[in-house]
N, C-alpha and C. Protein backbone atom coordinates (compact mmCIF):
# COMPACT_ATOMS: atom_id res chain seq x y z
N ILE A 1 -55.57 58.14 -3.02
CA ILE A 1 -55.96 57.23 -4.09
C ILE A 1 -57.59 57.38 -4.21
N PRO A 2 -58.37 57.62 -3.19
CA PRO A 2 -59.81 57.80 -3.44
C PRO A 2 -60.14 58.99 -4.27
N VAL A 3 -59.31 59.97 -4.40
CA VAL A 3 -59.55 61.13 -5.09
C VAL A 3 -59.53 61.01 -6.61
N ILE A 4 -58.57 60.14 -7.07
CA ILE A 4 -58.35 59.95 -8.51
C ILE A 4 -58.79 58.48 -8.95
N GLY A 5 -59.31 57.61 -8.11
CA GLY A 5 -59.87 56.38 -8.53
C GLY A 5 -58.85 55.32 -8.96
N TYR A 6 -59.22 54.57 -9.98
CA TYR A 6 -58.40 53.55 -10.50
C TYR A 6 -57.02 54.09 -10.91
N THR A 7 -56.91 55.25 -11.48
CA THR A 7 -55.66 55.81 -11.90
C THR A 7 -54.70 55.89 -10.71
N GLY A 8 -55.20 56.30 -9.63
CA GLY A 8 -54.41 56.41 -8.31
C GLY A 8 -53.85 55.02 -7.94
N SER A 9 -54.70 54.07 -8.00
CA SER A 9 -54.23 52.74 -7.56
C SER A 9 -53.18 52.16 -8.57
N ALA A 10 -53.44 52.45 -9.86
CA ALA A 10 -52.52 52.02 -10.90
C ALA A 10 -51.11 52.68 -10.68
N LEU A 11 -51.15 54.01 -10.39
CA LEU A 11 -49.90 54.80 -10.20
C LEU A 11 -49.21 54.32 -8.84
N ALA A 12 -49.96 54.06 -7.85
CA ALA A 12 -49.40 53.46 -6.61
C ALA A 12 -48.72 52.11 -6.85
N SER A 13 -49.33 51.29 -7.59
CA SER A 13 -48.76 50.03 -7.94
C SER A 13 -47.45 50.18 -8.74
N VAL A 14 -47.40 51.07 -9.74
CA VAL A 14 -46.18 51.34 -10.52
C VAL A 14 -45.13 51.87 -9.62
N ALA A 15 -45.45 52.80 -8.69
CA ALA A 15 -44.48 53.30 -7.78
C ALA A 15 -43.88 52.25 -6.91
N CYS A 16 -44.81 51.43 -6.40
CA CYS A 16 -44.37 50.33 -5.45
C CYS A 16 -43.49 49.34 -6.18
N TYR A 17 -43.92 48.83 -7.33
CA TYR A 17 -43.12 47.83 -8.09
C TYR A 17 -41.81 48.51 -8.56
N GLY A 18 -41.84 49.76 -9.00
CA GLY A 18 -40.59 50.43 -9.38
C GLY A 18 -39.65 50.54 -8.24
N THR A 19 -40.15 50.87 -7.09
CA THR A 19 -39.21 51.03 -5.91
C THR A 19 -38.67 49.59 -5.52
N MET A 20 -39.50 48.63 -5.50
CA MET A 20 -38.94 47.23 -5.27
C MET A 20 -37.90 46.86 -6.21
N SER A 21 -38.16 47.13 -7.49
CA SER A 21 -37.18 46.74 -8.49
C SER A 21 -35.87 47.50 -8.34
N ALA A 22 -35.86 48.83 -8.08
CA ALA A 22 -34.69 49.61 -7.81
C ALA A 22 -33.99 49.08 -6.68
N VAL A 23 -34.68 48.76 -5.56
CA VAL A 23 -33.88 48.34 -4.37
C VAL A 23 -33.29 46.99 -4.67
N CYS A 24 -34.01 45.98 -5.22
CA CYS A 24 -33.46 44.76 -5.61
C CYS A 24 -32.23 44.87 -6.58
N TRP A 25 -32.32 45.75 -7.45
CA TRP A 25 -31.13 45.95 -8.42
C TRP A 25 -29.98 46.55 -7.69
N LEU A 26 -30.26 47.52 -6.83
CA LEU A 26 -29.10 48.13 -6.03
C LEU A 26 -28.48 47.11 -5.03
N TRP A 27 -29.22 46.37 -4.33
CA TRP A 27 -28.67 45.34 -3.47
C TRP A 27 -28.00 44.22 -4.28
N GLY A 28 -28.60 43.88 -5.48
CA GLY A 28 -27.94 42.93 -6.26
C GLY A 28 -26.63 43.35 -6.80
N ARG A 29 -26.48 44.60 -7.18
CA ARG A 29 -25.14 45.10 -7.58
C ARG A 29 -24.13 45.07 -6.45
N LYS A 30 -24.56 45.20 -5.22
CA LYS A 30 -23.63 45.16 -4.07
C LYS A 30 -23.28 43.82 -3.71
N TYR A 31 -24.18 42.85 -3.65
CA TYR A 31 -23.91 41.53 -3.12
C TYR A 31 -23.73 40.45 -4.18
N LEU A 32 -24.31 40.54 -5.36
CA LEU A 32 -24.16 39.59 -6.37
C LEU A 32 -24.21 40.15 -7.72
N PRO A 33 -23.16 40.89 -8.13
CA PRO A 33 -23.21 41.68 -9.39
C PRO A 33 -23.35 40.69 -10.65
N ILE A 34 -24.25 41.12 -11.52
CA ILE A 34 -24.61 40.32 -12.66
C ILE A 34 -24.29 41.27 -13.84
N PRO A 35 -23.50 40.98 -14.81
CA PRO A 35 -23.21 41.77 -15.97
C PRO A 35 -24.39 41.83 -17.01
N TYR A 36 -25.35 42.63 -16.64
CA TYR A 36 -26.46 42.81 -17.60
C TYR A 36 -26.04 43.44 -18.91
N PRO A 37 -26.54 42.98 -20.04
CA PRO A 37 -26.26 43.73 -21.30
C PRO A 37 -27.21 44.96 -21.54
N TRP A 38 -26.84 45.98 -20.70
CA TRP A 38 -27.79 47.21 -20.77
C TRP A 38 -28.14 47.77 -22.06
N THR A 39 -27.09 47.73 -23.06
CA THR A 39 -27.42 48.35 -24.34
C THR A 39 -28.52 47.54 -24.98
N ARG A 40 -28.48 46.23 -24.99
CA ARG A 40 -29.50 45.44 -25.65
C ARG A 40 -30.82 45.58 -24.97
N ILE A 41 -30.84 45.61 -23.59
CA ILE A 41 -32.05 45.79 -22.85
C ILE A 41 -32.66 47.18 -23.15
N ILE A 42 -32.00 48.18 -23.14
CA ILE A 42 -32.58 49.49 -23.48
C ILE A 42 -32.98 49.61 -24.87
N THR A 43 -32.23 49.00 -25.82
CA THR A 43 -32.59 48.89 -27.24
C THR A 43 -33.95 48.23 -27.42
N HIS A 44 -34.08 47.08 -26.86
CA HIS A 44 -35.34 46.42 -26.97
C HIS A 44 -36.49 47.11 -26.39
N LEU A 45 -36.25 47.75 -25.20
CA LEU A 45 -37.25 48.61 -24.56
C LEU A 45 -37.68 49.80 -25.43
N LEU A 46 -36.74 50.50 -25.98
CA LEU A 46 -37.05 51.68 -26.81
C LEU A 46 -37.75 51.27 -28.11
N VAL A 47 -37.35 50.16 -28.68
CA VAL A 47 -38.06 49.75 -29.90
C VAL A 47 -39.47 49.33 -29.65
N GLY A 48 -39.68 48.69 -28.51
CA GLY A 48 -41.08 48.27 -28.11
C GLY A 48 -41.91 49.48 -27.86
N VAL A 49 -41.42 50.55 -27.06
CA VAL A 49 -42.16 51.67 -26.80
C VAL A 49 -42.44 52.48 -28.15
N GLY A 50 -41.35 52.48 -28.97
CA GLY A 50 -41.53 53.11 -30.24
C GLY A 50 -42.63 52.57 -31.14
N LEU A 51 -42.63 51.24 -31.14
CA LEU A 51 -43.78 50.64 -31.85
C LEU A 51 -45.11 50.92 -31.33
N ILE A 52 -45.24 50.92 -30.03
CA ILE A 52 -46.51 51.38 -29.34
C ILE A 52 -46.92 52.76 -29.77
N LEU A 53 -45.99 53.70 -29.67
CA LEU A 53 -46.24 55.11 -29.99
C LEU A 53 -46.66 55.24 -31.46
N ILE A 54 -45.95 54.53 -32.37
CA ILE A 54 -46.30 54.62 -33.79
C ILE A 54 -47.59 54.09 -34.12
N ILE A 55 -47.96 52.96 -33.43
CA ILE A 55 -49.29 52.39 -33.63
C ILE A 55 -50.41 53.24 -33.09
N GLU A 56 -50.16 53.87 -31.85
CA GLU A 56 -51.13 54.68 -31.30
C GLU A 56 -51.39 55.94 -32.13
N LYS A 57 -50.34 56.53 -32.64
CA LYS A 57 -50.41 57.71 -33.43
C LYS A 57 -51.21 57.56 -34.78
N ASN A 58 -50.94 56.39 -35.37
CA ASN A 58 -51.41 56.07 -36.68
C ASN A 58 -52.60 55.13 -36.66
N ARG A 59 -53.41 55.03 -35.60
CA ARG A 59 -54.49 54.09 -35.50
C ARG A 59 -55.56 54.33 -36.44
N PRO A 60 -55.88 53.33 -37.38
CA PRO A 60 -57.02 53.48 -38.32
C PRO A 60 -58.40 53.45 -37.62
N ASP A 61 -59.44 53.87 -38.23
CA ASP A 61 -60.83 53.83 -37.71
C ASP A 61 -61.41 52.55 -37.75
N ASN A 62 -60.97 51.62 -38.68
CA ASN A 62 -61.55 50.31 -38.75
C ASN A 62 -61.21 49.38 -37.57
N ASP A 63 -62.16 48.78 -36.93
CA ASP A 63 -61.95 47.95 -35.75
C ASP A 63 -61.18 46.68 -36.15
N THR A 64 -61.60 46.09 -37.28
CA THR A 64 -60.91 44.88 -37.77
C THR A 64 -59.48 45.11 -38.00
N VAL A 65 -59.13 46.18 -38.65
CA VAL A 65 -57.72 46.49 -38.88
C VAL A 65 -56.98 46.70 -37.63
N ASN A 66 -57.57 47.44 -36.65
CA ASN A 66 -57.06 47.60 -35.29
C ASN A 66 -56.74 46.22 -34.56
N LEU A 67 -57.62 45.30 -34.75
CA LEU A 67 -57.51 44.03 -34.08
C LEU A 67 -56.32 43.30 -34.78
N VAL A 68 -56.22 43.31 -36.07
CA VAL A 68 -55.11 42.67 -36.79
C VAL A 68 -53.81 43.26 -36.42
N ILE A 69 -53.73 44.60 -36.28
CA ILE A 69 -52.49 45.23 -35.93
C ILE A 69 -52.05 44.89 -34.52
N ASN A 70 -53.14 44.90 -33.62
CA ASN A 70 -52.81 44.66 -32.17
C ASN A 70 -52.41 43.16 -31.95
N VAL A 71 -52.67 42.34 -32.82
CA VAL A 71 -52.29 40.95 -32.73
C VAL A 71 -50.97 40.67 -33.49
N VAL A 72 -50.86 41.21 -34.74
CA VAL A 72 -49.68 40.93 -35.54
C VAL A 72 -48.41 41.56 -35.07
N VAL A 73 -48.50 42.92 -34.76
CA VAL A 73 -47.32 43.62 -34.37
C VAL A 73 -46.61 43.04 -33.15
N PRO A 74 -47.31 42.70 -32.05
CA PRO A 74 -46.59 42.06 -30.95
C PRO A 74 -45.80 40.71 -31.36
N ILE A 75 -46.54 39.98 -32.15
CA ILE A 75 -45.97 38.68 -32.59
C ILE A 75 -44.74 38.89 -33.41
N LEU A 76 -44.83 39.91 -34.34
CA LEU A 76 -43.62 40.24 -35.20
C LEU A 76 -42.55 40.75 -34.32
N TYR A 77 -42.80 41.54 -33.25
CA TYR A 77 -41.78 42.00 -32.35
C TYR A 77 -41.14 40.90 -31.63
N ILE A 78 -41.94 39.95 -31.19
CA ILE A 78 -41.32 38.82 -30.37
C ILE A 78 -40.52 37.96 -31.38
N VAL A 79 -40.93 37.68 -32.58
CA VAL A 79 -40.13 36.99 -33.59
C VAL A 79 -38.77 37.71 -33.87
N LEU A 80 -38.84 39.03 -34.07
CA LEU A 80 -37.70 39.87 -34.29
C LEU A 80 -36.70 39.84 -33.23
N VAL A 81 -37.13 39.84 -31.90
CA VAL A 81 -36.18 39.77 -30.80
C VAL A 81 -35.66 38.36 -30.79
N ALA A 82 -36.43 37.36 -30.99
CA ALA A 82 -35.94 35.97 -30.99
C ALA A 82 -34.89 35.77 -32.03
N VAL A 83 -35.12 36.34 -33.22
CA VAL A 83 -34.12 36.13 -34.30
C VAL A 83 -32.88 36.93 -33.94
N LEU A 84 -32.94 38.17 -33.47
CA LEU A 84 -31.83 38.95 -33.06
C LEU A 84 -31.02 38.32 -31.87
N GLU A 85 -31.71 37.73 -30.95
CA GLU A 85 -31.08 37.10 -29.80
C GLU A 85 -30.94 35.60 -29.82
N LYS A 86 -30.97 35.04 -31.11
CA LYS A 86 -30.96 33.69 -31.29
C LYS A 86 -29.64 33.04 -30.62
N LYS A 87 -28.52 33.62 -30.85
CA LYS A 87 -27.21 33.07 -30.27
C LYS A 87 -27.25 33.13 -28.76
N LYS A 88 -27.75 34.20 -28.26
CA LYS A 88 -27.86 34.32 -26.78
C LYS A 88 -28.93 33.40 -26.17
N LEU A 89 -30.04 33.17 -26.89
CA LEU A 89 -31.04 32.33 -26.38
C LEU A 89 -30.70 30.74 -26.40
N ASP A 90 -29.94 30.43 -27.46
CA ASP A 90 -29.55 29.02 -27.69
C ASP A 90 -30.77 28.19 -27.94
N ILE A 91 -31.71 28.69 -28.82
CA ILE A 91 -32.89 27.92 -29.18
C ILE A 91 -32.91 27.67 -30.67
N LYS A 92 -33.72 26.80 -31.06
CA LYS A 92 -33.92 26.49 -32.52
C LYS A 92 -34.96 27.30 -33.03
N ILE A 93 -34.82 28.19 -33.96
CA ILE A 93 -35.86 28.97 -34.55
C ILE A 93 -36.12 28.47 -36.02
N ILE A 94 -37.33 28.25 -36.32
CA ILE A 94 -37.74 27.76 -37.66
C ILE A 94 -37.07 28.65 -38.78
């Protein structure tokens, strides 16, 4: 970690948390299986990553526009997920 600085500590944290998540998931499958909706989980993950990549690739030079995009797009994504998962969440959406 001292050779690459903060990047090394961030990568070490990601590796640690990833390993803990994988072990918890594997043990959970063995002792207490939960039927996760993997297709929906992966779809939401890919859409979120896709939005990030599209925003980063087409970032305008104007700081104000960047600020608006960085605030509005996550809110729209959360609203989209809430609308799509409305039946599963069992919440009242305006």
